[in-house]
Amino acid sequence: MAAPAPKALFSEYRDKINETGLALSMAIDPLKVNLASPSGWLALPLQKNPLYTHQQWRSPSKRTGVGVTYVHMPLPLSTKTLVWLR
């Protein structure tokens, strides 16, 4: 795992973000995330199982989507191992 990036880097990046076309930021507790989804996109149902919680947003054209996954890890596993188990 890489070391976390310094807060100053995130603050600098956030100042450059164009938020046009995004809905208001909201907290989604099951996913442990605050997000601003694209305006007009459809939130698909939240999917939960013992390994992860997942939600997707689909564009009006149904050609593009974005999703968030919160992984519940009972044991520390590397990213490569997790991908292999998928």
PDB file of N, CA and C in Angstrom:
ATOM      1  N   MET A   1       0.836  -1.177   0.000  1.00  0.00           N
ATOM      2  CA  MET A   1       0.000   0.000   0.000  1.00  0.00           C
ATOM      3  C   MET A   1       0.879   1.237   0.000  1.00  0.00           C
ATOM      4  N   ALA A   2       0.444   2.226  -0.737  1.00  0.00           N
ATOM      5  CA  ALA A   2       1.158   3.501  -0.806  1.00  0.00           C
ATOM      6  C   ALA A   2       0.795   4.358   0.401  1.00  0.00           C
ATOM      7  N   ALA A   3       1.681   5.268   0.746  1.00  0.00           N
ATOM      8  CA  ALA A   3       1.417   6.196   1.839  1.00  0.00           C
ATOM      9  C   ALA A   3       0.303   7.156   1.417  1.00  0.00           C
ATOM     10  N   PRO A   4      -0.531   7.586   2.372  1.00  0.00           N
ATOM     11  CA  PRO A   4      -1.596   8.517   2.013  1.00  0.00           C
ATOM     12  C   PRO A   4      -1.032   9.840   1.500  1.00  0.00           C
ATOM     13  N   ALA A   5      -1.749  10.456   0.572  1.00  0.00           N
ATOM     14  CA  ALA A   5      -1.327  11.752   0.027  1.00  0.00           C
ATOM     15  C   ALA A   5      -1.546  12.843   1.069  1.00  0.00           C
ATOM     16  N   PRO A   6      -0.718  13.875   1.061  1.00  0.00           N
ATOM     17  CA  PRO A   6      -0.889  14.953   2.034  1.00  0.00           C
ATOM     18  C   PRO A   6      -2.178  15.740   1.793  1.00  0.00           C
ATOM     19  N   LYS A   7      -2.754  16.280   2.874  1.00  0.00           N
ATOM     20  CA  LYS A   7      -4.007  17.033   2.774  1.00  0.00           C
ATOM     21  C   LYS A   7      -3.879  18.230   1.843  1.00  0.00           C
ATOM     22  N   ALA A   8      -2.712  18.854   1.816  1.00  0.00           N
ATOM     23  CA  ALA A   8      -2.514  20.028   0.960  1.00  0.00           C
ATOM     24  C   ALA A   8      -2.751  19.681  -0.502  1.00  0.00           C
ATOM     25  N   LEU A   9      -2.360  18.479  -0.920  1.00  0.00           N
ATOM     26  CA  LEU A   9      -2.564  18.048  -2.301  1.00  0.00           C
ATOM     27  C   LEU A   9      -4.055  17.942  -2.615  1.00  0.00           C
ATOM     28  N   PHE A  10      -4.844  17.400  -1.688  1.00  0.00           N
ATOM     29  CA  PHE A  10      -6.288  17.290  -1.892  1.00  0.00           C
ATOM     30  C   PHE A  10      -6.944  18.667  -1.928  1.00  0.00           C
ATOM     31  N   SER A  11      -6.514  19.578  -1.058  1.00  0.00           N
ATOM     32  CA  SER A  11      -7.078  20.928  -1.043  1.00  0.00           C
ATOM     33  C   SER A  11      -6.797  21.643  -2.360  1.00  0.00           C
ATOM     34  N   GLU A  12      -5.588  21.500  -2.881  1.00  0.00           N
ATOM     35  CA  GLU A  12      -5.221  22.117  -4.151  1.00  0.00           C
ATOM     36  C   GLU A  12      -6.061  21.546  -5.291  1.00  0.00           C
ATOM     37  N   TYR A  13      -6.258  20.234  -5.297  1.00  0.00           N
ATOM     38  CA  TYR A  13      -7.050  19.573  -6.332  1.00  0.00           C
ATOM     39  C   TYR A  13      -8.512  19.999  -6.248  1.00  0.00           C
ATOM     40  N   ARG A  14      -9.054  20.074  -5.030  1.00  0.00           N
ATOM     41  CA  ARG A  14     -10.463  20.412  -4.853  1.00  0.00           C
ATOM     42  C   ARG A  14     -10.782  21.814  -5.369  1.00  0.00           C
ATOM     43  N   ASP A  15      -9.829  22.732  -5.230  1.00  0.00           N
ATOM     44  CA  ASP A  15     -10.040  24.095  -5.715  1.00  0.00           C
ATOM     45  C   ASP A  15     -10.175  24.140  -7.234  1.00  0.00           C
ATOM     46  N   LYS A  16      -9.651  23.163  -7.944  1.00  0.00           N
ATOM     47  CA  LYS A  16      -9.672  23.136  -9.407  1.00  0.00           C
ATOM     48  C   LYS A  16     -10.879  22.388  -9.984  1.00  0.00           C
ATOM     49  N   ILE A  17     -11.677  21.752  -9.152  1.00  0.00           N
ATOM     50  CA  ILE A  17     -12.798  20.939  -9.631  1.00  0.00           C
ATOM     51  C   ILE A  17     -13.929  21.818 -10.141  1.00  0.00           C
ATOM     52  N   ASN A  18     -14.462  21.468 -11.302  1.00  0.00           N
ATOM     53  CA  ASN A  18     -15.629  22.134 -11.861  1.00  0.00           C
ATOM     54  C   ASN A  18     -16.855  21.319 -11.432  1.00  0.00           C
ATOM     55  N   GLU A  19     -17.675  21.884 -10.549  1.00  0.00           N
ATOM     56  CA  GLU A  19     -18.811  21.151  -9.994  1.00  0.00           C
ATOM     57  C   GLU A  19     -20.104  21.371 -10.778  1.00  0.00           C
ATOM     58  N   THR A  20     -20.027  21.972 -11.953  1.00  0.00           N
ATOM     59  CA  THR A  20     -21.206  22.185 -12.784  1.00  0.00           C
ATOM     60  C   THR A  20     -21.775  20.819 -13.190  1.00  0.00           C
ATOM     61  N   GLY A  21     -23.057  20.648 -13.030  1.00  0.00           N
ATOM     62  CA  GLY A  21     -23.697  19.399 -13.430  1.00  0.00           C
ATOM     63  C   GLY A  21     -23.745  18.350 -12.347  1.00  0.00           C
ATOM     64  N   LEU A  22     -23.296  18.683 -11.129  1.00  0.00           N
ATOM     65  CA  LEU A  22     -23.341  17.729 -10.030  1.00  0.00           C
ATOM     66  C   LEU A  22     -24.473  18.090  -9.081  1.00  0.00           C
ATOM     67  N   ALA A  23     -25.116  17.073  -8.536  1.00  0.00           N
ATOM     68  CA  ALA A  23     -26.129  17.291  -7.506  1.00  0.00           C
ATOM     69  C   ALA A  23     -25.424  17.711  -6.224  1.00  0.00           C
ATOM     70  N   LEU A  24     -26.185  18.123  -5.241  1.00  0.00           N
ATOM     71  CA  LEU A  24     -25.599  18.483  -3.956  1.00  0.00           C
ATOM     72  C   LEU A  24     -24.951  17.259  -3.318  1.00  0.00           C
ATOM     73  N   SER A  25     -23.863  17.485  -2.628  1.00  0.00           N
ATOM     74  CA  SER A  25     -23.152  16.406  -1.953  1.00  0.00           C
ATOM     75  C   SER A  25     -24.030  15.833  -0.840  1.00  0.00           C
ATOM     76  N   MET A  26     -24.021  14.510  -0.707  1.00  0.00           N
ATOM     77  CA  MET A  26     -24.806  13.856   0.342  1.00  0.00           C
ATOM     78  C   MET A  26     -24.018  12.692   0.920  1.00  0.00           C
ATOM     79  N   ALA A  27     -24.297  12.387   2.164  1.00  0.00           N
ATOM     80  CA  ALA A  27     -23.649  11.262   2.841  1.00  0.00           C
ATOM     81  C   ALA A  27     -24.468  10.002   2.602  1.00  0.00           C
ATOM     82  N   ILE A  28     -23.788   8.918   2.261  1.00  0.00           N
ATOM     83  CA  ILE A  28     -24.441   7.613   2.116  1.00  0.00           C
ATOM     84  C   ILE A  28     -23.763   6.695   3.130  1.00  0.00           C
ATOM     85  N   ASP A  29     -24.423   6.515   4.276  1.00  0.00           N
ATOM     86  CA  ASP A  29     -23.817   5.793   5.396  1.00  0.00           C
ATOM     87  C   ASP A  29     -23.425   4.349   5.092  1.00  0.00           C
ATOM     88  N   PRO A  30     -24.255   3.553   4.404  1.00  0.00           N
ATOM     89  CA  PRO A  30     -23.837   2.163   4.152  1.00  0.00           C
ATOM     90  C   PRO A  30     -22.557   2.055   3.326  1.00  0.00           C
ATOM     91  N   LEU A  31     -22.284   3.082   2.497  1.00  0.00           N
ATOM     92  CA  LEU A  31     -21.086   3.066   1.661  1.00  0.00           C
ATOM     93  C   LEU A  31     -19.922   3.821   2.302  1.00  0.00           C
ATOM     94  N   LYS A  32     -20.184   4.495   3.444  1.00  0.00           N
ATOM     95  CA  LYS A  32     -19.151   5.279   4.137  1.00  0.00           C
ATOM     96  C   LYS A  32     -18.532   6.318   3.210  1.00  0.00           C
ATOM     97  N   VAL A  33     -19.400   7.086   2.505  1.00  0.00           N
ATOM     98  CA  VAL A  33     -18.914   8.044   1.519  1.00  0.00           C
ATOM     99  C   VAL A  33     -19.801   9.289   1.493  1.00  0.00           C
ATOM    100  N   ASN A  34     -19.202  10.421   1.163  1.00  0.00           N
ATOM    101  CA  ASN A  34     -19.925  11.643   0.813  1.00  0.00           C
ATOM    102  C   ASN A  34     -19.711  11.822  -0.679  1.00  0.00           C
ATOM    103  N   LEU A  35     -20.787  12.018  -1.437  1.00  0.00           N
ATOM    104  CA  LEU A  35     -20.610  12.152  -2.876  1.00  0.00           C
ATOM    105  C   LEU A  35     -21.605  13.121  -3.472  1.00  0.00           C
ATOM    106  N   ALA A  36     -21.225  13.642  -4.631  1.00  0.00           N
ATOM    107  CA  ALA A  36     -22.092  14.491  -5.434  1.00  0.00           C
ATOM    108  C   ALA A  36     -22.248  13.783  -6.775  1.00  0.00           C
ATOM    109  N   SER A  37     -23.362  13.110  -6.960  1.00  0.00           N
ATOM    110  CA  SER A  37     -23.586  12.366  -8.201  1.00  0.00           C
ATOM    111  C   SER A  37     -23.968  13.329  -9.324  1.00  0.00           C
ATOM    112  N   PRO A  38     -23.772  12.934 -10.569  1.00  0.00           N
ATOM    113  CA  PRO A  38     -24.179  13.783 -11.689  1.00  0.00           C
ATOM    114  C   PRO A  38     -25.692  14.041 -11.670  1.00  0.00           C
ATOM    115  N   SER A  39     -26.086  15.274 -11.939  1.00  0.00           N
ATOM    116  CA  SER A  39     -27.509  15.637 -11.947  1.00  0.00           C
ATOM    117  C   SER A  39     -28.251  14.836 -13.011  1.00  0.00           C
ATOM    118  N   GLY A  40     -29.438  14.344 -12.666  1.00  0.00           N
ATOM    119  CA  GLY A  40     -30.272  13.618 -13.610  1.00  0.00           C
ATOM    120  C   GLY A  40     -29.934  12.150 -13.753  1.00  0.00           C
ATOM    121  N   TRP A  41     -28.904  11.663 -13.071  1.00  0.00           N
ATOM    122  CA  TRP A  41     -28.543  10.250 -13.165  1.00  0.00           C
ATOM    123  C   TRP A  41     -29.398   9.447 -12.197  1.00  0.00           C
ATOM    124  N   LEU A  42     -29.742   8.230 -12.572  1.00  0.00           N
ATOM    125  CA  LEU A  42     -30.586   7.351 -11.780  1.00  0.00           C
ATOM    126  C   LEU A  42     -29.746   6.534 -10.802  1.00  0.00           C
ATOM    127  N   ALA A  43     -30.084   6.607  -9.532  1.00  0.00           N
ATOM    128  CA  ALA A  43     -29.413   5.787  -8.526  1.00  0.00           C
ATOM    129  C   ALA A  43     -30.046   4.396  -8.544  1.00  0.00           C
ATOM    130  N   LEU A  44     -29.252   3.383  -8.830  1.00  0.00           N
ATOM    131  CA  LEU A  44     -29.735   2.003  -8.826  1.00  0.00           C
ATOM    132  C   LEU A  44     -29.787   1.513  -7.378  1.00  0.00           C
ATOM    133  N   PRO A  45     -30.523   0.435  -7.108  1.00  0.00           N
ATOM    134  CA  PRO A  45     -30.652  -0.042  -5.732  1.00  0.00           C
ATOM    135  C   PRO A  45     -29.299  -0.420  -5.109  1.00  0.00           C
ATOM    136  N   LEU A  46     -29.199  -0.185  -3.811  1.00  0.00           N
ATOM    137  CA  LEU A  46     -28.021  -0.555  -3.044  1.00  0.00           C
ATOM    138  C   LEU A  46     -27.937  -2.081  -2.967  1.00  0.00           C
ATOM    139  N   GLN A  47     -26.762  -2.641  -3.235  1.00  0.00           N
ATOM    140  CA  GLN A  47     -26.554  -4.090  -3.168  1.00  0.00           C
ATOM    141  C   GLN A  47     -25.652  -4.391  -1.979  1.00  0.00           C
ATOM    142  N   LYS A  48     -26.085  -5.319  -1.126  1.00  0.00           N
ATOM    143  CA  LYS A  48     -25.295  -5.673   0.059  1.00  0.00           C
ATOM    144  C   LYS A  48     -25.105  -7.179   0.116  1.00  0.00           C
ATOM    145  N   ASN A  49     -23.912  -7.592   0.515  1.00  0.00           N
ATOM    146  CA  ASN A  49     -23.647  -8.984   0.839  1.00  0.00           C
ATOM    147  C   ASN A  49     -22.563  -8.991   1.921  1.00  0.00           C
ATOM    148  N   PRO A  50     -22.170 -10.149   2.450  1.00  0.00           N
ATOM    149  CA  PRO A  50     -21.193 -10.157   3.549  1.00  0.00           C
ATOM    150  C   PRO A  50     -19.826  -9.571   3.186  1.00  0.00           C
ATOM    151  N   LEU A  51     -19.465  -9.555   1.902  1.00  0.00           N
ATOM    152  CA  LEU A  51     -18.148  -9.069   1.505  1.00  0.00           C
ATOM    153  C   LEU A  51     -18.124  -7.582   1.144  1.00  0.00           C
ATOM    154  N   TYR A  52     -19.209  -7.052   0.560  1.00  0.00           N
ATOM    155  CA  TYR A  52     -19.183  -5.651   0.138  1.00  0.00           C
ATOM    156  C   TYR A  52     -20.586  -5.051   0.081  1.00  0.00           C
ATOM    157  N   THR A  53     -20.628  -3.717   0.039  1.00  0.00           N
ATOM    158  CA  THR A  53     -21.838  -2.951  -0.208  1.00  0.00           C
ATOM    159  C   THR A  53     -21.546  -2.106  -1.446  1.00  0.00           C
ATOM    160  N   HIS A  54     -22.494  -2.063  -2.384  1.00  0.00           N
ATOM    161  CA  HIS A  54     -22.220  -1.454  -3.688  1.00  0.00           C
ATOM    162  C   HIS A  54     -23.444  -0.700  -4.188  1.00  0.00           C
ATOM    163  N   GLN A  55     -23.202   0.452  -4.837  1.00  0.00           N
ATOM    164  CA  GLN A  55     -24.285   1.176  -5.492  1.00  0.00           C
ATOM    165  C   GLN A  55     -23.754   1.809  -6.770  1.00  0.00           C
ATOM    166  N   GLN A  56     -24.627   1.872  -7.784  1.00  0.00           N
ATOM    167  CA  GLN A  56     -24.267   2.470  -9.072  1.00  0.00           C
ATOM    168  C   GLN A  56     -25.253   3.573  -9.417  1.00  0.00           C
ATOM    169  N   TRP A  57     -24.772   4.518 -10.239  1.00  0.00           N
ATOM    170  CA  TRP A  57     -25.601   5.564 -10.810  1.00  0.00           C
ATOM    171  C   TRP A  57     -25.496   5.447 -12.322  1.00  0.00           C
ATOM    172  N   ARG A  58     -26.645   5.519 -13.017  1.00  0.00           N
ATOM    173  CA  ARG A  58     -26.673   5.337 -14.466  1.00  0.00           C
ATOM    174  C   ARG A  58     -27.107   6.635 -15.141  1.00  0.00           C
ATOM    175  N   SER A  59     -26.430   6.952 -16.243  1.00  0.00           N
ATOM    176  CA  SER A  59     -26.736   8.176 -16.993  1.00  0.00           C
ATOM    177  C   SER A  59     -28.089   8.042 -17.690  1.00  0.00           C
ATOM    178  N   PRO A  60     -28.709   9.170 -18.050  1.00  0.00           N
ATOM    179  CA  PRO A  60     -29.988   9.112 -18.775  1.00  0.00           C
ATOM    180  C   PRO A  60     -29.894   8.340 -20.088  1.00  0.00           C
ATOM    181  N   SER A  61     -28.723   8.352 -20.746  1.00  0.00           N
ATOM    182  CA  SER A  61     -28.569   7.619 -22.002  1.00  0.00           C
ATOM    183  C   SER A  61     -28.377   6.120 -21.769  1.00  0.00           C
ATOM    184  N   LYS A  62     -28.124   5.724 -20.540  1.00  0.00           N
ATOM    185  CA  LYS A  62     -27.865   4.327 -20.142  1.00  0.00           C
ATOM    186  C   LYS A  62     -26.592   3.770 -20.780  1.00  0.00           C
ATOM    187  N   ARG A  63     -25.696   4.657 -21.219  1.00  0.00           N
ATOM    188  CA  ARG A  63     -24.424   4.224 -21.803  1.00  0.00           C
ATOM    189  C   ARG A  63     -23.250   4.427 -20.859  1.00  0.00           C
ATOM    190  N   THR A  64     -23.473   5.189 -19.795  1.00  0.00           N
ATOM    191  CA  THR A  64     -22.403   5.509 -18.862  1.00  0.00           C
ATOM    192  C   THR A  64     -22.897   5.284 -17.444  1.00  0.00           C
ATOM    193  N   GLY A  65     -22.008   4.883 -16.586  1.00  0.00           N
ATOM    194  CA  GLY A  65     -22.357   4.692 -15.191  1.00  0.00           C
ATOM    195  C   GLY A  65     -21.158   4.930 -14.297  1.00  0.00           C
ATOM    196  N   VAL A  66     -21.440   5.093 -13.032  1.00  0.00           N
ATOM    197  CA  VAL A  66     -20.395   5.243 -12.027  1.00  0.00           C
ATOM    198  C   VAL A  66     -20.882   4.511 -10.784  1.00  0.00           C
ATOM    199  N   GLY A  67     -19.957   3.965 -10.018  1.00  0.00           N
ATOM    200  CA  GLY A  67     -20.348   3.218  -8.841  1.00  0.00           C
ATOM    201  C   GLY A  67     -19.364   3.376  -7.704  1.00  0.00           C
ATOM    202  N   VAL A  68     -19.830   3.016  -6.515  1.00  0.00           N
ATOM    203  CA  VAL A  68     -19.019   3.045  -5.304  1.00  0.00           C
ATOM    204  C   VAL A  68     -19.162   1.699  -4.617  1.00  0.00           C
ATOM    205  N   THR A  69     -18.043   1.143  -4.178  1.00  0.00           N
ATOM    206  CA  THR A  69     -18.046  -0.119  -3.443  1.00  0.00           C
ATOM    207  C   THR A  69     -17.329   0.068  -2.119  1.00  0.00           C
ATOM    208  N   TYR A  70     -17.953  -0.373  -1.034  1.00  0.00           N
ATOM    209  CA  TYR A  70     -17.327  -0.394   0.283  1.00  0.00           C
ATOM    210  C   TYR A  70     -17.097  -1.861   0.614  1.00  0.00           C
ATOM    211  N   VAL A  71     -15.827  -2.244   0.730  1.00  0.00           N
ATOM    212  CA  VAL A  71     -15.471  -3.647   0.945  1.00  0.00           C
ATOM    213  C   VAL A  71     -15.288  -3.908   2.434  1.00  0.00           C
ATOM    214  N   HIS A  72     -15.951  -4.948   2.937  1.00  0.00           N
ATOM    215  CA  HIS A  72     -15.823  -5.368   4.333  1.00  0.00           C
ATOM    216  C   HIS A  72     -14.765  -6.465   4.376  1.00  0.00           C
ATOM    217  N   MET A  73     -13.629  -6.193   4.976  1.00  0.00           N
ATOM    218  CA  MET A  73     -12.526  -7.154   4.979  1.00  0.00           C
ATOM    219  C   MET A  73     -12.370  -7.806   6.358  1.00  0.00           C
ATOM    220  N   PRO A  74     -12.738  -9.076   6.487  1.00  0.00           N
ATOM    221  CA  PRO A  74     -12.552  -9.758   7.765  1.00  0.00           C
ATOM    222  C   PRO A  74     -11.067 -10.048   8.038  1.00  0.00           C
ATOM    223  N   LEU A  75     -10.294 -10.196   6.989  1.00  0.00           N
ATOM    224  CA  LEU A  75      -8.853 -10.428   7.096  1.00  0.00           C
ATOM    225  C   LEU A  75      -8.134  -9.455   6.176  1.00  0.00           C
ATOM    226  N   PRO A  76      -6.937  -9.002   6.560  1.00  0.00           N
ATOM    227  CA  PRO A  76      -6.215  -8.098   5.663  1.00  0.00           C
ATOM    228  C   PRO A  76      -5.708  -8.838   4.423  1.00  0.00           C
ATOM    229  N   LEU A  77      -6.186  -8.454   3.260  1.00  0.00           N
ATOM    230  CA  LEU A  77      -5.783  -9.064   1.998  1.00  0.00           C
ATOM    231  C   LEU A  77      -5.260  -7.990   1.057  1.00  0.00           C
ATOM    232  N   SER A  78      -4.326  -8.357   0.202  1.00  0.00           N
ATOM    233  CA  SER A  78      -3.807  -7.412  -0.782  1.00  0.00           C
ATOM    234  C   SER A  78      -4.839  -7.207  -1.890  1.00  0.00           C
ATOM    235  N   THR A  79      -4.663  -6.160  -2.664  1.00  0.00           N
ATOM    236  CA  THR A  79      -5.559  -5.869  -3.783  1.00  0.00           C
ATOM    237  C   THR A  79      -5.535  -7.003  -4.800  1.00  0.00           C
ATOM    238  N   LYS A  80      -4.347  -7.552  -5.081  1.00  0.00           N
ATOM    239  CA  LYS A  80      -4.247  -8.647  -6.048  1.00  0.00           C
ATOM    240  C   LYS A  80      -5.031  -9.869  -5.594  1.00  0.00           C
ATOM    241  N   THR A  81      -4.965 -10.189  -4.319  1.00  0.00           N
ATOM    242  CA  THR A  81      -5.720 -11.325  -3.787  1.00  0.00           C
ATOM    243  C   THR A  81      -7.210 -11.078  -3.894  1.00  0.00           C
ATOM    244  N   LEU A  82      -7.631  -9.861  -3.574  1.00  0.00           N
ATOM    245  CA  LEU A  82      -9.050  -9.513  -3.637  1.00  0.00           C
ATOM    246  C   LEU A  82      -9.568  -9.637  -5.070  1.00  0.00           C
ATOM    247  N   VAL A  83      -8.827  -9.165  -6.047  1.00  0.00           N
ATOM    248  CA  VAL A  83      -9.222  -9.265  -7.455  1.00  0.00           C
ATOM    249  C   VAL A  83      -9.285 -10.734  -7.867  1.00  0.00           C
ATOM    250  N   TRP A  84      -8.333 -11.536  -7.404  1.00  0.00           N
ATOM    251  CA  TRP A  84      -8.333 -12.967  -7.741  1.00  0.00           C
ATOM    252  C   TRP A  84      -9.575 -13.655  -7.194  1.00  0.00           C
ATOM    253  N   LEU A  85     -10.011 -13.272  -5.980  1.00  0.00           N
ATOM    254  CA  LEU A  85     -11.203 -13.882  -5.373  1.00  0.00           C
ATOM    255  C   LEU A  85     -12.490 -13.494  -6.099  1.00  0.00           C
ATOM    256  N   ARG A  86     -12.474 -12.374  -6.745  1.00  0.00           N
ATOM    257  CA  ARG A  86     -13.656 -11.896  -7.436  1.00  0.00           C
ATOM    258  C   ARG A  86     -14.035 -12.868  -8.503  1.00  0.00           C
TER     259      ARG A  86
END
